[in-house]
Protein backbone atom coordinates (compact mmCIF):
# COMPACT_ATOMS: atom_id res chain seq x y z
CA MET A 1 -3.05 -63.20 -56.91
CA LYS A 2 -0.23 -61.91 -54.59
CA ASN A 3 2.16 -64.53 -53.29
CA ASN A 4 2.60 -65.14 -49.57
CA PHE A 5 6.09 -64.15 -48.58
CA LEU A 6 6.24 -67.12 -46.24
CA SER A 7 5.90 -69.60 -49.02
CA ASP A 8 9.34 -68.65 -50.27
CA PHE A 9 10.92 -69.32 -46.83
CA PRO A 10 13.09 -72.40 -46.52
CA GLY A 11 11.82 -75.59 -44.73
CA TYR A 12 12.17 -75.96 -41.06
CA ALA A 13 15.44 -77.86 -41.09
CA GLU A 14 17.08 -75.37 -43.34
CA LEU A 15 15.77 -72.46 -41.27
CA LYS A 16 17.24 -73.94 -38.14
CA LYS A 17 20.50 -74.52 -39.95
CA GLN A 18 20.66 -70.94 -41.20
CA MET A 19 19.76 -69.48 -37.79
CA ASN A 20 22.10 -71.85 -35.92
CA GLY A 21 24.39 -69.88 -33.57
CA LYS A 22 22.21 -66.78 -33.72
CA GLN A 23 20.80 -65.57 -30.34
CA LEU A 24 17.11 -65.70 -30.33
CA PRO A 25 15.42 -62.85 -28.38
CA VAL A 26 13.52 -63.64 -25.19
CA PHE A 27 10.93 -61.08 -26.60
CA ARG A 28 10.49 -58.29 -29.02
CA GLU A 29 7.84 -55.54 -29.19
CA ALA A 30 4.71 -57.06 -30.77
CA ASN A 31 1.22 -55.65 -31.27
CA CYS A 32 -1.23 -58.28 -32.49
CA HIS A 33 -4.38 -56.29 -32.71
CA ILE A 34 -4.90 -52.96 -34.60
CA HIS A 35 -7.77 -51.68 -36.67
CA THR A 36 -6.92 -49.92 -39.87
CA PRO A 37 -8.78 -47.39 -42.00
CA TYR A 38 -10.41 -50.39 -43.76
CA SER A 39 -12.86 -50.58 -40.81
CA PHE A 40 -12.43 -47.59 -38.44
CA SER A 41 -9.18 -46.49 -37.05
CA ALA A 42 -7.34 -43.66 -35.32
CA PHE A 43 -4.83 -43.86 -38.18
CA ASP A 44 -5.49 -41.42 -41.09
CA GLY A 45 -3.85 -43.86 -43.58
CA MET A 46 -1.94 -47.07 -43.67
CA GLN A 47 1.40 -45.15 -44.01
CA THR A 48 0.91 -43.68 -40.54
CA ILE A 49 0.77 -47.20 -39.07
CA PHE A 50 4.11 -48.29 -40.61
CA SER A 51 5.87 -45.02 -39.74
CA MET A 52 4.72 -45.29 -36.09
CA ALA A 53 5.73 -48.97 -35.97
CA GLU A 54 9.17 -48.25 -37.30
CA GLU A 55 9.69 -45.33 -34.85
CA GLU A 56 8.56 -47.52 -31.91
CA LYS A 57 10.55 -50.52 -33.09
CA ILE A 58 7.56 -52.77 -33.36
CA SER A 59 8.70 -56.14 -34.80
CA VAL A 60 5.39 -57.90 -35.18
CA LEU A 61 2.08 -56.22 -36.07
CA GLY A 62 -1.42 -57.69 -36.57
CA ILE A 63 -4.22 -56.28 -38.70
CA ASN A 64 -7.62 -56.93 -37.03
CA ASP A 65 -10.40 -55.22 -38.92
CA PHE A 66 -14.12 -55.88 -38.45
CA PHE A 67 -15.69 -58.29 -41.00
CA VAL A 68 -13.15 -57.49 -43.78
CA THR A 69 -9.81 -58.60 -45.11
CA ASP A 70 -9.66 -55.83 -47.74
CA GLY A 71 -6.61 -54.25 -46.04
CA TYR A 72 -4.52 -57.36 -46.17
CA GLU A 73 -2.61 -56.65 -49.37
CA SER A 74 -1.80 -53.02 -48.39
CA PHE A 75 -0.86 -54.23 -44.85
CA HIS A 76 1.28 -57.07 -46.22
CA ASP A 77 3.15 -54.77 -48.65
CA GLY A 78 3.70 -52.09 -46.01
CA CYS A 79 5.02 -54.44 -43.35
CA LEU A 80 7.49 -56.00 -45.89
CA ARG A 81 8.60 -52.57 -46.90
CA TYR A 82 9.30 -51.54 -43.29
CA ASN A 83 10.66 -54.93 -42.17
CA ILE A 84 7.74 -55.69 -39.84
CA PHE A 85 6.43 -59.24 -39.52
CA PRO A 86 2.69 -59.13 -40.49
CA LEU A 87 -0.05 -61.18 -38.78
CA PHE A 88 -3.39 -61.54 -40.68
CA ASN A 89 -6.38 -61.36 -38.37
CA ILE A 90 -10.09 -60.43 -38.43
CA GLU A 91 -12.81 -59.53 -35.98
CA PHE A 92 -16.48 -60.41 -35.82
CA ILE A 93 -19.42 -59.52 -33.72
CA GLY A 94 -21.68 -62.48 -32.79
CA LEU A 95 -24.30 -63.60 -30.40
CA MET A 96 -24.44 -66.36 -27.73
CA ARG A 97 -28.32 -66.77 -27.57
CA GLU A 98 -28.50 -68.76 -24.44
CA GLU A 99 -26.43 -66.31 -22.54
CA GLN A 100 -28.48 -63.47 -23.93
CA LYS A 101 -31.66 -65.10 -22.53
CA LYS A 102 -30.01 -65.39 -19.14
CA GLY A 103 -28.79 -61.74 -19.29
CA ILE A 104 -25.11 -62.78 -19.19
CA ARG A 105 -22.74 -60.15 -20.58
CA ILE A 106 -19.81 -61.61 -22.53
CA ASN A 107 -17.28 -58.92 -23.67
CA ASP A 108 -19.70 -56.25 -24.64
CA PRO A 109 -20.58 -54.60 -21.29
CA ASN A 110 -23.78 -53.09 -22.62
CA ASN A 111 -25.38 -55.98 -24.48
CA PRO A 112 -25.97 -59.43 -22.85
CA GLY A 113 -25.07 -62.34 -25.20
CA ARG A 114 -23.16 -60.08 -27.62
CA ILE A 115 -19.64 -61.24 -28.25
CA TYR A 116 -16.65 -59.85 -30.08
CA PHE A 117 -14.48 -62.62 -31.51
CA CYS A 118 -11.25 -62.67 -33.38
CA GLY A 119 -9.54 -65.04 -35.93
CA LYS A 120 -5.75 -64.97 -35.81
CA GLY A 121 -3.31 -65.99 -38.50
CA LEU A 122 -5.71 -66.41 -41.43
CA ASP A 123 -4.30 -67.52 -44.73
CA PHE A 124 -2.83 -64.94 -46.98
CA PRO A 125 -3.85 -64.34 -49.72
CA TYR A 126 -7.32 -64.70 -48.14
CA THR A 127 -9.71 -67.01 -50.08
CA GLN A 128 -13.26 -67.90 -49.32
CA GLY A 129 -15.56 -70.69 -50.26
CA TRP A 130 -18.90 -69.54 -51.71
CA ILE A 131 -20.75 -70.21 -48.48
CA GLN A 132 -18.27 -68.06 -46.51
CA ARG A 133 -18.58 -65.33 -49.12
CA LEU A 134 -22.39 -65.28 -48.79
CA GLU A 135 -22.21 -65.35 -44.99
CA LEU A 136 -19.71 -62.48 -44.83
CA LYS A 137 -21.60 -60.55 -47.45
CA ARG A 138 -24.81 -60.99 -45.42
CA MET A 139 -23.03 -59.77 -42.24
CA ARG A 140 -21.61 -56.64 -43.93
CA LYS A 141 -25.08 -55.84 -45.54
CA LYS A 142 -26.84 -56.09 -42.18
CA SER A 143 -24.26 -53.79 -40.62
CA GLN A 144 -24.55 -51.32 -43.49
CA ASP A 145 -28.37 -51.33 -43.35
CA GLN A 146 -28.12 -50.28 -39.76
CA MET A 147 -25.78 -47.39 -40.64
CA ARG A 148 -28.07 -46.22 -43.43
CA ALA A 149 -31.01 -46.21 -40.98
CA MET A 150 -28.93 -44.15 -38.50
CA ILE A 151 -27.98 -41.67 -41.17
CA ASP A 152 -31.77 -41.26 -41.89
CA ASN A 153 -32.31 -40.50 -38.16
CA LEU A 154 -29.42 -38.06 -38.13
CA ASN A 155 -30.94 -36.27 -41.17
CA ARG A 156 -34.21 -35.86 -39.33
CA LEU A 157 -32.28 -34.26 -36.46
CA LEU A 158 -30.37 -32.07 -38.91
CA SER A 159 -33.56 -30.80 -40.56
CA SER A 160 -34.57 -29.20 -37.21
CA ALA A 161 -31.14 -27.75 -36.53
CA ASN A 162 -30.28 -26.56 -40.05
CA SER A 163 -32.46 -27.66 -42.95
CA SER A 164 -29.72 -26.95 -45.54
CA LEU A 165 -27.52 -29.67 -44.14
CA LYS A 166 -27.81 -33.35 -45.07
CA LEU A 167 -25.71 -36.50 -44.79
CA THR A 168 -25.55 -39.33 -47.31
CA TYR A 169 -24.12 -42.81 -46.88
CA GLU A 170 -22.15 -42.52 -50.07
CA ASP A 171 -20.54 -39.26 -49.05
CA ILE A 172 -19.52 -40.51 -45.67
CA LYS A 173 -18.09 -43.64 -47.13
CA LYS A 174 -16.12 -41.73 -49.73
CA ARG A 175 -14.74 -39.14 -47.26
CA TYR A 176 -14.10 -41.06 -44.15
CA ALA A 177 -14.21 -44.82 -44.69
CA ARG A 178 -12.41 -47.31 -46.83
CA ASN A 179 -14.99 -50.14 -46.87
CA LEU A 180 -17.55 -50.51 -44.16
CA VAL A 181 -19.15 -47.44 -42.62
CA ARG A 182 -19.19 -47.58 -38.80
CA GLU A 183 -20.98 -45.48 -36.25
CA ARG A 184 -17.62 -43.74 -35.50
CA HIS A 185 -17.55 -42.54 -39.15
CA LEU A 186 -20.96 -40.99 -38.51
CA ALA A 187 -19.70 -39.23 -35.46
CA LYS A 188 -16.77 -37.81 -37.47
CA ALA A 189 -19.08 -36.73 -40.25
CA ILE A 190 -21.23 -34.72 -37.76
CA ARG A 191 -18.14 -33.12 -36.26
CA TYR A 192 -16.94 -32.03 -39.77
CA LEU A 193 -20.43 -30.91 -40.63
CA ALA A 194 -20.25 -28.51 -37.66
CA ALA A 195 -16.77 -27.26 -38.39
CA GLU A 196 -17.36 -26.71 -42.10
CA ASN A 197 -20.60 -24.77 -41.77
CA TYR A 198 -20.11 -22.77 -38.67
CA ALA A 199 -16.99 -20.46 -38.32
CA GLY A 200 -17.06 -19.80 -34.59
CA GLU A 201 -16.67 -22.18 -31.68
CA ASN A 202 -19.83 -20.99 -30.02
CA ASP A 203 -21.90 -21.38 -33.28
CA GLN A 204 -20.61 -24.91 -33.60
CA LEU A 205 -21.57 -25.76 -30.05
CA VAL A 206 -25.06 -24.30 -30.53
CA PHE A 207 -25.50 -26.49 -33.60
CA LEU A 208 -24.32 -29.60 -31.88
CA GLU A 209 -26.39 -28.89 -28.74
CA LYS A 210 -29.50 -28.60 -30.88
CA LEU A 211 -28.71 -32.14 -32.22
CA TYR A 212 -28.25 -33.22 -28.55
CA GLY A 213 -31.79 -32.10 -27.75
CA GLY A 214 -30.61 -29.05 -25.86
CA LYS A 215 -28.05 -30.94 -23.73
CA LYS A 216 -24.84 -28.94 -23.21
CA SER A 217 -21.53 -30.16 -24.64
CA GLY A 218 -19.10 -31.25 -21.99
CA THR A 219 -16.06 -31.36 -24.17
CA GLY A 220 -16.11 -28.25 -26.41
CA ILE A 221 -14.53 -28.43 -29.88
CA SER A 222 -10.85 -28.06 -29.13
CA ASP A 223 -10.33 -31.90 -28.76
CA PRO A 224 -11.72 -33.62 -31.98
CA SER A 225 -11.31 -37.12 -30.44
CA ALA A 226 -13.29 -36.31 -27.31
CA LEU A 227 -15.93 -34.40 -29.31
CA GLU A 228 -16.49 -37.39 -31.67
CA ASN A 229 -16.79 -39.63 -28.60
CA GLU A 230 -19.39 -37.21 -27.18
CA ILE A 231 -21.35 -37.18 -30.50
CA ARG A 232 -21.35 -40.88 -30.63
CA SER A 233 -22.46 -41.13 -26.96
CA ASN A 234 -25.21 -38.61 -27.24
CA LEU A 235 -26.72 -39.57 -30.65
CA LEU A 236 -25.49 -42.92 -31.79
CA LYS A 237 -25.41 -45.21 -28.80
CA ALA A 238 -28.41 -46.97 -27.18
CA GLY A 239 -30.83 -44.13 -25.97
CA GLY A 240 -29.48 -41.60 -28.49
CA ALA A 241 -31.84 -39.87 -30.79
CA ALA A 242 -30.28 -41.38 -34.01
CA PHE A 243 -29.58 -44.91 -32.56
CA VAL A 244 -31.08 -47.85 -34.43
CA LYS A 245 -30.98 -51.22 -32.66
CA GLU A 246 -29.34 -54.00 -34.57
CA ASP A 247 -31.53 -56.96 -35.58
CA ASP A 248 -30.30 -59.91 -33.55
CA GLU A 249 -30.48 -61.97 -36.75
CA SER A 250 -27.65 -59.89 -38.04
CA PHE A 251 -25.31 -61.46 -35.41
CA PRO A 252 -24.12 -64.98 -36.27
CA ASP A 253 -23.92 -67.71 -33.72
CA LEU A 254 -20.46 -68.08 -32.20
CA ARG A 255 -19.91 -71.52 -33.63
CA LYS A 256 -20.64 -70.30 -37.10
CA ILE A 257 -17.99 -67.54 -36.54
CA ILE A 258 -15.50 -70.16 -35.40
CA ARG A 259 -16.21 -72.23 -38.57
CA ILE A 260 -15.65 -69.23 -40.85
CA ILE A 261 -12.28 -68.51 -39.09
CA THR A 262 -11.01 -72.18 -39.14
CA ASN A 263 -12.14 -72.55 -42.81
CA ALA A 264 -10.04 -69.46 -43.56
CA GLY A 265 -7.05 -71.04 -41.96
CA GLY A 266 -7.18 -69.00 -38.76
CA ILE A 267 -7.02 -69.55 -34.97
CA PRO A 268 -10.21 -68.83 -33.07
CA CYS A 269 -9.34 -66.26 -30.37
CA TYR A 270 -11.53 -64.82 -27.59
CA PRO A 271 -10.91 -61.07 -26.90
CA VAL A 272 -11.02 -60.51 -23.18
CA LEU A 273 -12.54 -57.35 -21.76
CA LEU A 274 -11.46 -57.98 -18.22
CA ASP A 275 -11.95 -55.21 -15.58
CA ASP A 276 -13.60 -51.84 -16.11
CA PRO A 277 -12.31 -48.68 -14.35
CA SER A 278 -14.37 -49.65 -11.27
CA GLY A 279 -12.75 -53.06 -11.15
CA LYS A 280 -15.78 -55.05 -12.27
CA CYS A 281 -15.86 -57.79 -14.96
CA THR A 282 -18.74 -59.12 -17.01
CA GLU A 283 -20.62 -62.24 -15.79
CA PHE A 284 -18.87 -64.32 -18.37
CA GLU A 285 -15.39 -63.21 -17.32
CA ASN A 286 -15.67 -62.71 -13.59
CA ASP A 287 -14.37 -66.23 -12.78
CA PRO A 288 -11.25 -67.14 -14.64
CA GLU A 289 -11.59 -70.82 -14.01
CA LYS A 290 -15.20 -70.91 -15.21
CA LEU A 291 -14.15 -68.81 -18.24
CA HIS A 292 -11.36 -71.36 -18.96
CA PHE A 293 -13.88 -74.25 -18.96
CA SER A 294 -16.29 -72.26 -21.14
CA LEU A 295 -13.62 -71.56 -23.71
CA SER A 296 -12.32 -75.09 -23.63
CA ASP A 297 -15.78 -76.51 -24.28
CA LEU A 298 -15.86 -74.35 -27.49
CA GLY A 299 -12.38 -75.53 -28.52
CA ILE A 300 -10.91 -72.10 -28.05
CA GLY A 301 -7.23 -72.07 -26.87
CA SER A 302 -6.23 -68.48 -27.64
CA ILE A 303 -7.15 -65.27 -25.86
CA GLU A 304 -6.20 -61.54 -26.39
CA LEU A 305 -6.27 -58.52 -24.26
CA ILE A 306 -6.00 -54.78 -24.69
CA PRO A 307 -3.82 -53.97 -21.58
CA GLY A 308 -4.41 -50.25 -21.91
CA ARG A 309 -7.81 -50.66 -20.39
CA ASN A 310 -6.90 -52.97 -17.50
CA ASP A 311 -5.62 -52.63 -14.03
CA PRO A 312 -1.97 -53.87 -14.07
CA SER A 313 -2.35 -56.32 -11.18
CA ALA A 314 -5.61 -57.80 -12.49
CA LEU A 315 -4.03 -58.15 -15.97
CA LYS A 316 -0.99 -59.91 -14.61
CA GLU A 317 -2.92 -62.38 -12.48
CA PHE A 318 -5.39 -63.15 -15.28
CA VAL A 319 -2.70 -63.53 -18.00
CA LYS A 320 -0.45 -65.92 -15.87
CA TYR A 321 -3.45 -68.14 -15.05
CA PHE A 322 -4.43 -68.58 -18.74
CA ASP A 323 -0.71 -69.03 -19.74
CA LYS A 324 -0.46 -71.76 -17.21
CA GLN A 325 -3.53 -73.42 -18.71
CA GLY A 326 -1.71 -73.54 -22.10
CA TYR A 327 -3.57 -70.75 -23.90
CA LEU A 328 -1.96 -68.51 -26.49
CA VAL A 329 -2.02 -64.95 -25.06
CA THR A 330 -1.52 -61.97 -27.24
CA PHE A 331 -1.87 -58.22 -26.70
CA GLY A 332 -2.96 -55.24 -28.87
CA THR A 333 -3.97 -51.62 -28.73
CA GLU A 334 -7.08 -51.76 -31.07
CA HIS A 335 -6.70 -48.12 -32.30
CA ASN A 336 -10.43 -48.21 -33.22
CA THR A 337 -11.31 -44.97 -31.50
CA PRO A 338 -10.58 -41.41 -32.66
CA GLY A 339 -7.81 -40.85 -30.06
CA MET A 340 -4.27 -41.77 -31.12
CA VAL A 341 -2.03 -43.80 -28.70
CA PRO A 342 1.32 -45.43 -29.22
CA LEU A 343 1.56 -48.86 -30.79
CA THR A 344 3.78 -50.00 -27.91
CA ILE A 345 1.72 -52.00 -25.40
CA CYS A 346 1.14 -50.28 -22.03
CA ASP A 347 -1.15 -50.78 -19.11
CA ARG A 348 -4.00 -48.58 -18.08
CA ASN A 349 -1.62 -46.14 -16.37
CA SER A 350 0.40 -45.79 -19.58
CA ARG A 351 3.29 -47.77 -18.20
CA PRO A 352 5.12 -50.44 -20.18
CA LEU A 353 4.32 -53.95 -19.28
CA ASP A 354 6.71 -55.96 -17.12
CA GLU A 355 9.01 -58.43 -18.76
CA SER A 356 7.12 -61.56 -17.61
CA LEU A 357 3.94 -60.40 -19.52
CA LYS A 358 6.04 -59.43 -22.54
CA ARG A 359 7.53 -62.93 -22.63
CA ILE A 360 4.07 -64.50 -22.56
CA ALA A 361 2.70 -62.32 -25.30
CA TRP A 362 5.76 -62.73 -27.49
CA LYS A 363 5.30 -66.57 -27.32
CA GLY A 364 1.73 -66.03 -28.46
CA ALA A 365 2.85 -63.91 -31.40
CA CYS A 366 5.50 -66.44 -32.26
CA VAL A 367 2.97 -69.27 -32.37
CA ILE A 368 0.71 -67.28 -34.77
CA ALA A 369 3.79 -66.55 -37.00
CA ALA A 370 4.62 -70.32 -36.98
CA HIS A 371 0.97 -71.14 -37.83
CA GLN A 372 1.00 -68.84 -40.80
CA TYR A 373 4.37 -70.28 -42.03
CA LEU A 374 3.11 -73.91 -41.73
CA ARG A 375 -0.10 -73.08 -43.52
CA ALA A 376 1.79 -71.34 -46.21
CA HIS A 377 3.71 -74.56 -46.76
CA GLY A 378 0.63 -76.57 -46.92
CA ARG A 379 1.02 -78.13 -43.46
CA GLN A 380 -1.17 -78.15 -40.29
CA GLY A 381 -0.67 -75.21 -38.06
CA TYR A 382 -1.90 -74.59 -34.46
CA VAL A 383 -5.45 -75.65 -35.45
CA LEU A 384 -6.11 -79.45 -35.87
CA ASN A 385 -8.30 -80.88 -38.63
CA ASP A 386 -11.31 -80.99 -36.23
CA GLY A 387 -11.08 -77.23 -35.63
CA LYS A 388 -9.58 -77.51 -32.10
CA VAL A 389 -6.20 -76.17 -31.17
CA SER A 390 -3.04 -78.21 -30.43
CA ARG A 391 -2.03 -76.84 -27.06
CA THR A 392 0.63 -79.50 -26.65
CA GLN A 393 2.50 -77.95 -29.62
CA LYS A 394 2.63 -74.46 -28.08
CA GLU A 395 6.15 -74.46 -26.95
CA GLU A 396 7.43 -76.09 -30.16
CA LEU A 397 5.52 -73.71 -32.41
CA SER A 398 6.67 -70.79 -30.21
CA GLU A 399 10.33 -71.74 -30.90
CA LEU A 400 9.62 -72.20 -34.57
CA GLY A 401 7.81 -68.77 -34.76
CA ASN A 402 10.76 -67.09 -33.10
CA ILE A 403 13.09 -68.56 -35.63
CA ILE A 404 10.87 -67.58 -38.52
CA ILE A 405 10.48 -63.95 -37.28
CA GLU A 406 14.32 -63.60 -36.75
CA TYR A 407 14.92 -65.04 -40.22
CA PHE A 408 12.45 -62.49 -41.70
CA LEU A 409 13.96 -59.56 -39.80
CA ASN A 410 17.52 -60.53 -40.74
CA ASN A 411 17.00 -61.47 -44.36
CA ARG A 412 14.66 -58.83 -45.73
CA LYS A 413 15.78 -55.45 -47.02
CA LYS A 414 13.74 -52.36 -47.11
């Protein structure tokens, strides 16, 4: 089993001694939430991630794949090779059943009760108890059963458009996925099916429009990312001809997800959707104070945002409120759509964040780094023994994390 690089770091007193006199940065560039090819990602391979991070001078980077930790080792090795401090995260999709009954949307704008939820700073190497293994295996199986059913539906559509064409789960997984097949992989497979079997642009569009039930394409084929999004929207989302509704039983209860995360050494973290392009929030998020109390009741003291989808003013007001309440706040870019964007965090208008937000997010990244370090040394991190977070230690752990990251950046060689 691979060794955690942090276990070889000196103790806290020695770290402070070695870093004494060195100026610690107010912030560095950090991106705490990216998906990799081990779930679905804009990146064509892991190497692209590290090359982009090096070019953009990203100092801290967090892997955040759906349901799996299979990419941890490759991510760990690449980050160390490129002198990037790695954060080990995971993402789940769960259900808050009472909210579902009441029609309350959480952070999935289309499905009441459905919740995306992250774990931050999991132990590396990642180990599971047998109950966790069974639970995660069940989640993954349910997810893949849905994908197989959607492939069956796509094949029924294909038989009408071109009876010689057929998709298989095994081929899609081999060509486009590393582990789990996601609906975005299906959209990519359809795009390639059109491109590989029809030479002309018009012929490809005629084929796709047959699959759409006669609906005209609004994107054309020149932009692969836009076309895959269109295929997904027309065929694979709710109301699409190939869509298969997930069984609610395939979504674990939020408290079960939190237990899985804390048992794996991680920090429970709520990913905030915040405002959509029209300025509206979900019912769960539209009142920051109420959201704060809801998260606190669940023992959650960490939130994360994807600033690229939010209004800059709304983002700043929201983040400052939760920072004042003692939450860890981190930012990311996701990269779980076909379109490629920079790893550097920007707002909805593609402008860099102001310094006050960068400082807050840097503290959050530093706390997760400190948490990983303490766990690697067999000590308690940001999460207490009862599964709740230690907000009173936020500043102390932020300072420790800053020291750890600087030590890493200054003492590792490519």
